[in-house]
Amino acid sequence: MKKSLWRKFRAWTPMYWLRTHTINRYHIVNLSGQGGYKWGWIDRDHAILLACFALLDDFMTKEYPGYVDWQADPETKRVNTELHLLHFWWKHQRDRELQERDALFSQIHNWSKQQRKINEDQWIDQMNEHFEKMNEHPLREEYDNVSAWVDGRDDEMLKRLMAVRGYLWT
């Protein structure tokens, strides 16, 4: 039997299906711990970003360098550098960007809470007033700018990853 026919046949065997769907689970992208995500609901636009970079992280930690000669030609060298830069951004720089944004949000949120003197029992009833008060904070414009910059940076890095995705194989 030819090797390609054997691969097609093997994919349909019960043992292969059981292994790939229970033990190795190649059909699942694990998002926990990716990009600051812990658990709970996640919007689909954010899930796309997390899933793509989770796959990059998985590739760089488990499969890289594989069988590819990353120094073969200038294009492959460029892609190799790009993969390392994207992985470094995802694992190290993005956390700092998110921390800066979240620190600004915490300052605004806490200030608004103090201004309204909201306790936990009144929180649900006065939530709209709380968020309106947050818009009055002097740092709100800076927070909006940082938040837009972080979102733009995420989009830029996702585009860069899509440009080199054809090289993520071993």
N, C-alpha and C. Protein backbone atom coordinates (compact mmCIF):
# COMPACT_ATOMS: atom_id res chain seq x y z
N MET A 1 0.85 -1.18 0.00
CA MET A 1 0.00 0.00 0.00
C MET A 1 0.89 1.24 0.00
N LYS A 2 0.56 2.21 -0.83
CA LYS A 2 1.34 3.43 -0.89
C LYS A 2 1.24 4.19 0.42
N LYS A 3 2.26 4.99 0.69
CA LYS A 3 2.29 5.74 1.94
C LYS A 3 1.11 6.72 2.04
N SER A 4 0.78 7.40 0.96
CA SER A 4 -0.33 8.36 1.00
C SER A 4 -1.66 7.66 1.25
N LEU A 5 -1.84 6.49 0.68
CA LEU A 5 -3.07 5.73 0.95
C LEU A 5 -3.13 5.29 2.40
N TRP A 6 -1.97 4.90 2.94
CA TRP A 6 -1.93 4.48 4.34
C TRP A 6 -2.31 5.64 5.26
N ARG A 7 -1.84 6.86 4.97
CA ARG A 7 -2.20 8.01 5.79
C ARG A 7 -3.70 8.27 5.75
N LYS A 8 -4.30 8.15 4.58
CA LYS A 8 -5.75 8.34 4.47
C LYS A 8 -6.49 7.26 5.26
N PHE A 9 -6.03 6.04 5.14
CA PHE A 9 -6.66 4.94 5.86
C PHE A 9 -6.49 5.10 7.37
N ARG A 10 -5.27 5.47 7.79
CA ARG A 10 -4.97 5.60 9.21
C ARG A 10 -5.83 6.67 9.87
N ALA A 11 -6.14 7.74 9.15
CA ALA A 11 -6.94 8.82 9.71
C ALA A 11 -8.34 8.37 10.07
N TRP A 12 -8.81 7.30 9.46
CA TRP A 12 -10.16 6.83 9.73
C TRP A 12 -10.21 5.68 10.71
N THR A 13 -9.09 5.21 11.17
CA THR A 13 -9.11 4.10 12.12
C THR A 13 -9.58 4.59 13.48
N PRO A 14 -10.31 3.79 14.20
CA PRO A 14 -10.82 4.21 15.51
C PRO A 14 -9.71 4.58 16.50
N MET A 15 -8.61 3.86 16.49
CA MET A 15 -7.52 4.16 17.43
C MET A 15 -6.91 5.54 17.15
N TYR A 16 -6.70 5.84 15.88
CA TYR A 16 -6.15 7.15 15.52
C TYR A 16 -7.09 8.26 15.94
N TRP A 17 -8.39 8.09 15.67
CA TRP A 17 -9.37 9.10 16.07
C TRP A 17 -9.37 9.26 17.58
N LEU A 18 -9.36 8.18 18.31
CA LEU A 18 -9.38 8.24 19.77
C LEU A 18 -8.15 8.96 20.31
N ARG A 19 -6.99 8.67 19.75
CA ARG A 19 -5.76 9.31 20.22
C ARG A 19 -5.77 10.81 19.93
N THR A 20 -6.17 11.19 18.72
CA THR A 20 -6.11 12.60 18.34
C THR A 20 -7.25 13.43 18.92
N HIS A 21 -8.28 12.79 19.45
CA HIS A 21 -9.40 13.53 20.03
C HIS A 21 -9.47 13.43 21.55
N THR A 22 -8.63 12.62 22.15
CA THR A 22 -8.65 12.51 23.62
C THR A 22 -7.29 12.75 24.23
N ILE A 23 -6.26 12.12 23.71
CA ILE A 23 -4.93 12.21 24.32
C ILE A 23 -4.17 13.43 23.80
N ASN A 24 -3.93 13.49 22.50
CA ASN A 24 -3.16 14.59 21.91
C ASN A 24 -4.03 15.79 21.58
N ARG A 25 -5.27 15.57 21.26
CA ARG A 25 -6.26 16.61 20.99
C ARG A 25 -5.73 17.72 20.10
N TYR A 26 -5.38 17.37 18.88
CA TYR A 26 -4.85 18.33 17.91
C TYR A 26 -5.90 19.31 17.41
N HIS A 27 -7.16 19.01 17.63
CA HIS A 27 -8.23 19.85 17.12
C HIS A 27 -8.62 20.98 18.07
N ILE A 28 -7.94 21.11 19.20
CA ILE A 28 -8.28 22.12 20.21
C ILE A 28 -7.13 23.10 20.36
N VAL A 29 -7.47 24.39 20.37
CA VAL A 29 -6.48 25.43 20.64
C VAL A 29 -6.72 25.89 22.08
N ASN A 30 -5.73 25.70 22.93
CA ASN A 30 -5.85 26.05 24.34
C ASN A 30 -5.51 27.53 24.52
N LEU A 31 -6.48 28.32 24.95
CA LEU A 31 -6.26 29.76 25.13
C LEU A 31 -5.89 30.14 26.55
N SER A 32 -5.98 29.23 27.50
CA SER A 32 -5.71 29.59 28.89
C SER A 32 -4.26 30.02 29.04
N GLY A 33 -4.09 31.15 29.69
CA GLY A 33 -2.75 31.69 29.91
C GLY A 33 -2.20 32.47 28.73
N GLN A 34 -2.96 32.61 27.66
CA GLN A 34 -2.49 33.34 26.49
C GLN A 34 -2.92 34.79 26.56
N GLY A 35 -1.99 35.69 26.46
CA GLY A 35 -2.30 37.11 26.35
C GLY A 35 -3.10 37.68 27.49
N GLY A 36 -2.88 37.17 28.70
CA GLY A 36 -3.58 37.68 29.86
C GLY A 36 -4.96 37.07 30.07
N TYR A 37 -5.36 36.13 29.22
CA TYR A 37 -6.67 35.50 29.35
C TYR A 37 -6.60 34.41 30.42
N LYS A 38 -7.53 34.45 31.36
CA LYS A 38 -7.56 33.44 32.43
C LYS A 38 -8.68 32.43 32.21
N TRP A 39 -9.93 32.87 32.26
CA TRP A 39 -11.08 31.99 32.09
C TRP A 39 -12.31 32.85 31.88
N GLY A 40 -13.39 32.22 31.49
CA GLY A 40 -14.64 32.93 31.35
C GLY A 40 -14.94 33.31 29.90
N TRP A 41 -15.93 34.18 29.76
CA TRP A 41 -16.37 34.61 28.43
C TRP A 41 -15.28 35.40 27.74
N ILE A 42 -15.21 35.20 26.43
CA ILE A 42 -14.25 35.97 25.64
C ILE A 42 -14.94 36.33 24.32
N ASP A 43 -14.82 37.58 23.93
CA ASP A 43 -15.40 38.01 22.65
C ASP A 43 -14.63 37.37 21.51
N ARG A 44 -15.31 37.10 20.42
CA ARG A 44 -14.71 36.38 19.30
C ARG A 44 -13.58 37.15 18.63
N ASP A 45 -13.67 38.47 18.60
CA ASP A 45 -12.58 39.23 18.00
C ASP A 45 -11.29 39.06 18.79
N HIS A 46 -11.41 38.97 20.09
CA HIS A 46 -10.24 38.76 20.94
C HIS A 46 -9.78 37.31 20.88
N ALA A 47 -10.72 36.38 20.76
CA ALA A 47 -10.38 34.96 20.67
C ALA A 47 -9.55 34.66 19.42
N ILE A 48 -9.85 35.36 18.33
CA ILE A 48 -9.07 35.16 17.10
C ILE A 48 -7.61 35.53 17.34
N LEU A 49 -7.38 36.67 17.97
CA LEU A 49 -6.02 37.10 18.27
C LEU A 49 -5.32 36.09 19.17
N LEU A 50 -5.99 35.70 20.26
CA LEU A 50 -5.39 34.76 21.21
C LEU A 50 -5.09 33.42 20.55
N ALA A 51 -6.03 32.92 19.74
CA ALA A 51 -5.84 31.62 19.11
C ALA A 51 -4.66 31.64 18.13
N CYS A 52 -4.57 32.68 17.33
CA CYS A 52 -3.47 32.77 16.35
C CYS A 52 -2.12 32.82 17.05
N PHE A 53 -2.03 33.62 18.09
CA PHE A 53 -0.74 33.72 18.78
C PHE A 53 -0.48 32.52 19.69
N ALA A 54 -1.53 31.83 20.14
CA ALA A 54 -1.33 30.58 20.88
C ALA A 54 -0.72 29.54 19.95
N LEU A 55 -1.18 29.53 18.70
CA LEU A 55 -0.61 28.60 17.72
C LEU A 55 0.84 28.96 17.39
N LEU A 56 1.13 30.26 17.29
CA LEU A 56 2.52 30.67 17.06
C LEU A 56 3.40 30.25 18.23
N ASP A 57 2.92 30.47 19.45
CA ASP A 57 3.68 30.09 20.64
C ASP A 57 3.91 28.58 20.67
N ASP A 58 2.89 27.81 20.33
CA ASP A 58 3.01 26.37 20.28
C ASP A 58 4.05 25.95 19.25
N PHE A 59 4.01 26.59 18.09
CA PHE A 59 4.98 26.28 17.03
C PHE A 59 6.40 26.61 17.49
N MET A 60 6.59 27.80 18.06
CA MET A 60 7.93 28.24 18.43
C MET A 60 8.50 27.44 19.60
N THR A 61 7.66 26.96 20.50
CA THR A 61 8.17 26.23 21.66
C THR A 61 8.29 24.73 21.42
N LYS A 62 7.45 24.17 20.55
CA LYS A 62 7.43 22.72 20.38
C LYS A 62 7.99 22.22 19.05
N GLU A 63 7.81 22.99 17.99
CA GLU A 63 8.18 22.48 16.66
C GLU A 63 9.39 23.16 16.04
N TYR A 64 9.66 24.38 16.42
CA TYR A 64 10.76 25.13 15.81
C TYR A 64 12.09 24.52 16.22
N PRO A 65 13.09 24.37 15.38
CA PRO A 65 13.20 24.74 13.99
C PRO A 65 12.68 23.70 13.02
N GLY A 66 12.41 22.49 13.48
CA GLY A 66 11.87 21.47 12.58
C GLY A 66 12.86 21.09 11.49
N TYR A 67 12.34 20.84 10.32
CA TYR A 67 13.17 20.42 9.19
C TYR A 67 13.53 21.57 8.27
N VAL A 68 13.17 22.75 8.63
CA VAL A 68 13.40 23.92 7.76
C VAL A 68 14.80 24.46 8.01
N ASP A 69 15.50 24.76 6.93
CA ASP A 69 16.79 25.45 7.03
C ASP A 69 16.49 26.94 7.02
N TRP A 70 16.45 27.55 8.19
CA TRP A 70 16.05 28.95 8.33
C TRP A 70 17.09 29.93 7.81
N GLN A 71 18.25 29.44 7.40
CA GLN A 71 19.28 30.31 6.84
C GLN A 71 19.48 30.05 5.35
N ALA A 72 18.54 29.38 4.72
CA ALA A 72 18.70 28.93 3.32
C ALA A 72 18.78 30.10 2.33
N ASP A 73 17.93 31.09 2.48
CA ASP A 73 17.91 32.21 1.54
C ASP A 73 17.44 33.45 2.29
N PRO A 74 17.58 34.63 1.66
CA PRO A 74 17.20 35.87 2.35
C PRO A 74 15.74 35.91 2.80
N GLU A 75 14.82 35.37 2.00
CA GLU A 75 13.41 35.38 2.38
C GLU A 75 13.16 34.53 3.63
N THR A 76 13.76 33.36 3.69
CA THR A 76 13.59 32.49 4.85
C THR A 76 14.22 33.12 6.08
N LYS A 77 15.35 33.78 5.91
CA LYS A 77 15.98 34.48 7.05
C LYS A 77 15.06 35.59 7.55
N ARG A 78 14.44 36.32 6.63
CA ARG A 78 13.54 37.41 7.02
C ARG A 78 12.35 36.86 7.80
N VAL A 79 11.77 35.76 7.31
CA VAL A 79 10.63 35.14 7.98
C VAL A 79 11.04 34.62 9.36
N ASN A 80 12.22 34.04 9.46
CA ASN A 80 12.73 33.55 10.74
C ASN A 80 12.82 34.69 11.75
N THR A 81 13.38 35.82 11.31
CA THR A 81 13.47 36.99 12.18
C THR A 81 12.09 37.49 12.57
N GLU A 82 11.19 37.52 11.61
CA GLU A 82 9.82 37.98 11.87
C GLU A 82 9.12 37.08 12.89
N LEU A 83 9.27 35.77 12.75
CA LEU A 83 8.67 34.84 13.71
C LEU A 83 9.20 35.07 15.12
N HIS A 84 10.51 35.27 15.23
CA HIS A 84 11.10 35.53 16.55
C HIS A 84 10.60 36.85 17.13
N LEU A 85 10.50 37.88 16.30
CA LEU A 85 10.02 39.18 16.78
C LEU A 85 8.56 39.09 17.23
N LEU A 86 7.73 38.42 16.45
CA LEU A 86 6.32 38.26 16.83
C LEU A 86 6.18 37.46 18.12
N HIS A 87 6.96 36.41 18.26
CA HIS A 87 6.90 35.60 19.46
C HIS A 87 7.37 36.39 20.68
N PHE A 88 8.44 37.15 20.54
CA PHE A 88 8.94 37.97 21.64
C PHE A 88 7.90 39.02 22.03
N TRP A 89 7.28 39.66 21.03
CA TRP A 89 6.25 40.65 21.34
C TRP A 89 5.11 40.01 22.11
N TRP A 90 4.66 38.84 21.68
CA TRP A 90 3.54 38.18 22.32
C TRP A 90 3.86 37.77 23.76
N LYS A 91 5.05 37.23 23.98
CA LYS A 91 5.38 36.71 25.30
C LYS A 91 5.84 37.79 26.28
N HIS A 92 6.37 38.91 25.79
CA HIS A 92 6.97 39.87 26.72
C HIS A 92 6.43 41.30 26.57
N GLN A 93 6.45 41.85 25.39
CA GLN A 93 6.09 43.25 25.22
C GLN A 93 4.59 43.51 25.38
N ARG A 94 3.76 42.61 24.89
CA ARG A 94 2.32 42.83 24.95
C ARG A 94 1.84 42.90 26.39
N ASP A 95 2.42 42.11 27.27
CA ASP A 95 2.03 42.16 28.68
C ASP A 95 2.25 43.55 29.26
N ARG A 96 3.37 44.17 28.92
CA ARG A 96 3.65 45.52 29.42
C ARG A 96 2.66 46.53 28.86
N GLU A 97 2.31 46.39 27.59
CA GLU A 97 1.34 47.30 26.98
C GLU A 97 -0.03 47.17 27.66
N LEU A 98 -0.44 45.94 27.94
CA LEU A 98 -1.72 45.72 28.60
C LEU A 98 -1.70 46.23 30.04
N GLN A 99 -0.58 46.07 30.73
CA GLN A 99 -0.46 46.55 32.10
C GLN A 99 -0.58 48.06 32.18
N GLU A 100 0.02 48.75 31.22
CA GLU A 100 -0.07 50.21 31.18
C GLU A 100 -1.53 50.65 30.99
N ARG A 101 -2.20 50.00 30.04
CA ARG A 101 -3.60 50.33 29.80
C ARG A 101 -4.47 50.02 31.02
N ASP A 102 -4.26 48.87 31.62
CA ASP A 102 -5.07 48.44 32.77
C ASP A 102 -4.81 49.32 33.99
N ALA A 103 -3.58 49.80 34.15
CA ALA A 103 -3.27 50.69 35.27
C ALA A 103 -4.04 52.00 35.14
N LEU A 104 -4.10 52.54 33.93
CA LEU A 104 -4.88 53.77 33.71
C LEU A 104 -6.37 53.52 33.99
N PHE A 105 -6.88 52.40 33.52
CA PHE A 105 -8.28 52.09 33.77
C PHE A 105 -8.57 51.97 35.26
N SER A 106 -7.67 51.32 35.99
CA SER A 106 -7.87 51.17 37.44
C SER A 106 -7.89 52.51 38.15
N GLN A 107 -7.00 53.42 37.75
CA GLN A 107 -7.00 54.76 38.35
C GLN A 107 -8.33 55.46 38.12
N ILE A 108 -8.81 55.41 36.89
CA ILE A 108 -10.07 56.08 36.54
C ILE A 108 -11.25 55.41 37.27
N HIS A 109 -11.25 54.11 37.29
CA HIS A 109 -12.33 53.36 37.93
C HIS A 109 -12.37 53.65 39.44
N ASN A 110 -11.23 53.59 40.09
CA ASN A 110 -11.19 53.84 41.53
C ASN A 110 -11.58 55.27 41.87
N TRP A 111 -11.14 56.22 41.07
CA TRP A 111 -11.49 57.63 41.30
C TRP A 111 -13.00 57.81 41.18
N SER A 112 -13.58 57.22 40.14
CA SER A 112 -15.02 57.35 39.94
C SER A 112 -15.79 56.70 41.09
N LYS A 113 -15.31 55.58 41.56
CA LYS A 113 -15.97 54.89 42.66
C LYS A 113 -15.92 55.73 43.93
N GLN A 114 -14.79 56.38 44.17
CA GLN A 114 -14.66 57.25 45.34
C GLN A 114 -15.55 58.48 45.22
N GLN A 115 -15.62 59.05 44.03
CA GLN A 115 -16.46 60.23 43.82
C GLN A 115 -17.93 59.92 44.06
N ARG A 116 -18.35 58.76 43.65
CA ARG A 116 -19.75 58.40 43.79
C ARG A 116 -20.03 57.77 45.14
N LYS A 117 -18.98 57.41 45.88
CA LYS A 117 -19.11 56.74 47.18
C LYS A 117 -20.01 55.49 47.05
N ILE A 118 -19.66 54.69 46.09
CA ILE A 118 -20.44 53.49 45.80
C ILE A 118 -19.94 52.34 46.68
N ASN A 119 -20.85 51.69 47.34
CA ASN A 119 -20.47 50.46 48.03
C ASN A 119 -20.96 49.27 47.19
N GLU A 120 -20.58 48.09 47.57
CA GLU A 120 -20.86 46.91 46.77
C GLU A 120 -22.36 46.63 46.63
N ASP A 121 -23.16 47.01 47.60
CA ASP A 121 -24.61 46.77 47.53
C ASP A 121 -25.27 47.65 46.48
N GLN A 122 -24.75 48.85 46.29
CA GLN A 122 -25.34 49.79 45.34
C GLN A 122 -24.73 49.69 43.94
N TRP A 123 -23.75 48.85 43.79
CA TRP A 123 -22.97 48.81 42.55
C TRP A 123 -23.83 48.59 41.32
N ILE A 124 -24.71 47.63 41.34
CA ILE A 124 -25.54 47.32 40.16
C ILE A 124 -26.50 48.47 39.85
N ASP A 125 -27.09 49.04 40.88
CA ASP A 125 -28.07 50.11 40.68
C ASP A 125 -27.44 51.37 40.09
N GLN A 126 -26.21 51.65 40.46
CA GLN A 126 -25.59 52.90 40.05
C GLN A 126 -24.49 52.72 39.00
N MET A 127 -24.49 51.61 38.31
CA MET A 127 -23.42 51.35 37.35
C MET A 127 -23.37 52.38 36.23
N ASN A 128 -24.50 52.77 35.67
CA ASN A 128 -24.51 53.75 34.59
C ASN A 128 -23.94 55.09 35.05
N GLU A 129 -24.32 55.53 36.24
CA GLU A 129 -23.78 56.78 36.78
C GLU A 129 -22.28 56.67 36.99
N HIS A 130 -21.85 55.50 37.42
CA HIS A 130 -20.42 55.27 37.65
C HIS A 130 -19.63 55.43 36.35
N PHE A 131 -20.13 54.82 35.27
CA PHE A 131 -19.41 54.90 34.00
C PHE A 131 -19.48 56.30 33.39
N GLU A 132 -20.56 57.02 33.63
CA GLU A 132 -20.63 58.41 33.18
C GLU A 132 -19.61 59.25 33.93
N LYS A 133 -19.45 58.99 35.22
CA LYS A 133 -18.47 59.73 36.03
C LYS A 133 -17.05 59.42 35.55
N MET A 134 -16.82 58.18 35.11
CA MET A 134 -15.49 57.80 34.62
C MET A 134 -15.09 58.66 33.42
N ASN A 135 -16.07 59.06 32.60
CA ASN A 135 -15.78 59.88 31.42
C ASN A 135 -15.28 61.27 31.78
N GLU A 136 -15.52 61.72 33.01
CA GLU A 136 -15.10 63.05 33.45
C GLU A 136 -13.66 63.09 33.95
N HIS A 137 -13.05 61.95 34.15
CA HIS A 137 -11.69 61.90 34.71
C HIS A 137 -10.69 62.51 33.74
N PRO A 138 -9.70 63.29 34.27
CA PRO A 138 -8.71 63.91 33.39
C PRO A 138 -7.85 62.91 32.60
N LEU A 139 -7.70 61.69 33.10
CA LEU A 139 -6.90 60.69 32.40
C LEU A 139 -7.70 59.89 31.36
N ARG A 140 -8.99 60.17 31.23
CA ARG A 140 -9.83 59.39 30.33
C ARG A 140 -9.36 59.48 28.88
N GLU A 141 -8.98 60.67 28.45
CA GLU A 141 -8.50 60.83 27.07
C GLU A 141 -7.20 60.05 26.86
N GLU A 142 -6.31 60.09 27.85
CA GLU A 142 -5.06 59.32 27.74
C GLU A 142 -5.36 57.82 27.70
N TYR A 143 -6.31 57.38 28.52
CA TYR A 143 -6.69 55.96 28.50
C TYR A 143 -7.24 55.57 27.12
N ASP A 144 -8.10 56.40 26.56
CA ASP A 144 -8.66 56.10 25.24
C ASP A 144 -7.56 56.01 24.19
N ASN A 145 -6.58 56.91 24.27
CA ASN A 145 -5.47 56.89 23.31
C ASN A 145 -4.63 55.62 23.47
N VAL A 146 -4.31 55.27 24.71
CA VAL A 146 -3.51 54.07 24.96
C VAL A 146 -4.27 52.82 24.53
N SER A 147 -5.56 52.78 24.84
CA SER A 147 -6.37 51.64 24.47
C SER A 147 -6.45 51.49 22.94
N ALA A 148 -6.63 52.59 22.24
CA ALA A 148 -6.66 52.55 20.77
C ALA A 148 -5.30 52.12 20.22
N TRP A 149 -4.22 52.58 20.85
CA TRP A 149 -2.88 52.19 20.40
C TRP A 149 -2.66 50.69 20.60
N VAL A 150 -3.08 50.16 21.76
CA VAL A 150 -2.92 48.73 22.03
C VAL A 150 -3.73 47.91 21.03
N ASP A 151 -4.96 48.32 20.76
CA ASP A 151 -5.78 47.60 19.78
C ASP A 151 -5.17 47.67 18.38
N GLY A 152 -4.65 48.82 18.01
CA GLY A 152 -3.99 48.96 16.71
C GLY A 152 -2.74 48.11 16.61
N ARG A 153 -2.00 48.05 17.70
CA ARG A 153 -0.78 47.22 17.73
C ARG A 153 -1.15 45.74 17.60
N ASP A 154 -2.21 45.31 18.28
CA ASP A 154 -2.67 43.93 18.13
C ASP A 154 -3.02 43.63 16.69
N ASP A 155 -3.74 44.55 16.04
CA ASP A 155 -4.11 44.36 14.63
C ASP A 155 -2.89 44.27 13.74
N GLU A 156 -1.94 45.16 13.98
CA GLU A 156 -0.70 45.18 13.18
C GLU A 156 0.05 43.85 13.32
N MET A 157 0.19 43.37 14.54
CA MET A 157 0.94 42.12 14.76
C MET A 157 0.20 40.92 14.18
N LEU A 158 -1.12 40.94 14.25
CA LEU A 158 -1.89 39.85 13.65
C LEU A 158 -1.72 39.84 12.13
N LYS A 159 -1.69 41.02 11.51
CA LYS A 159 -1.44 41.09 10.06
C LYS A 159 -0.05 40.57 9.72
N ARG A 160 0.93 40.93 10.55
CA ARG A 160 2.29 40.44 10.31
C ARG A 160 2.36 38.92 10.45
N LEU A 161 1.63 38.37 11.42
CA LEU A 161 1.61 36.92 11.59
C LEU A 161 0.96 36.25 10.38
N MET A 162 -0.13 36.84 9.88
CA MET A 162 -0.81 36.26 8.72
C MET A 162 0.09 36.28 7.49
N ALA A 163 0.98 37.26 7.42
CA ALA A 163 1.88 37.36 6.26
C ALA A 163 2.91 36.23 6.24
N VAL A 164 3.23 35.66 7.40
CA VAL A 164 4.25 34.60 7.46
C VAL A 164 3.68 33.25 7.87
N ARG A 165 2.38 33.13 7.91
CA ARG A 165 1.76 31.89 8.38
C ARG A 165 2.11 30.68 7.52
N GLY A 166 2.42 30.90 6.26
CA GLY A 166 2.78 29.79 5.38
C GLY A 166 4.06 29.06 5.77
N TYR A 167 4.83 29.66 6.66
CA TYR A 167 6.09 29.05 7.10
C TYR A 167 5.93 28.28 8.41
N LEU A 168 4.75 28.23 8.96
CA LEU A 168 4.54 27.56 10.25
C LEU A 168 4.28 26.06 10.04
N TRP A 169 5.23 25.38 9.51
CA TRP A 169 5.15 23.95 9.35
C TRP A 169 6.54 23.36 9.56
N THR A 170 6.58 22.11 9.91
CA THR A 170 7.89 21.46 10.10
C THR A 170 7.94 20.16 9.34
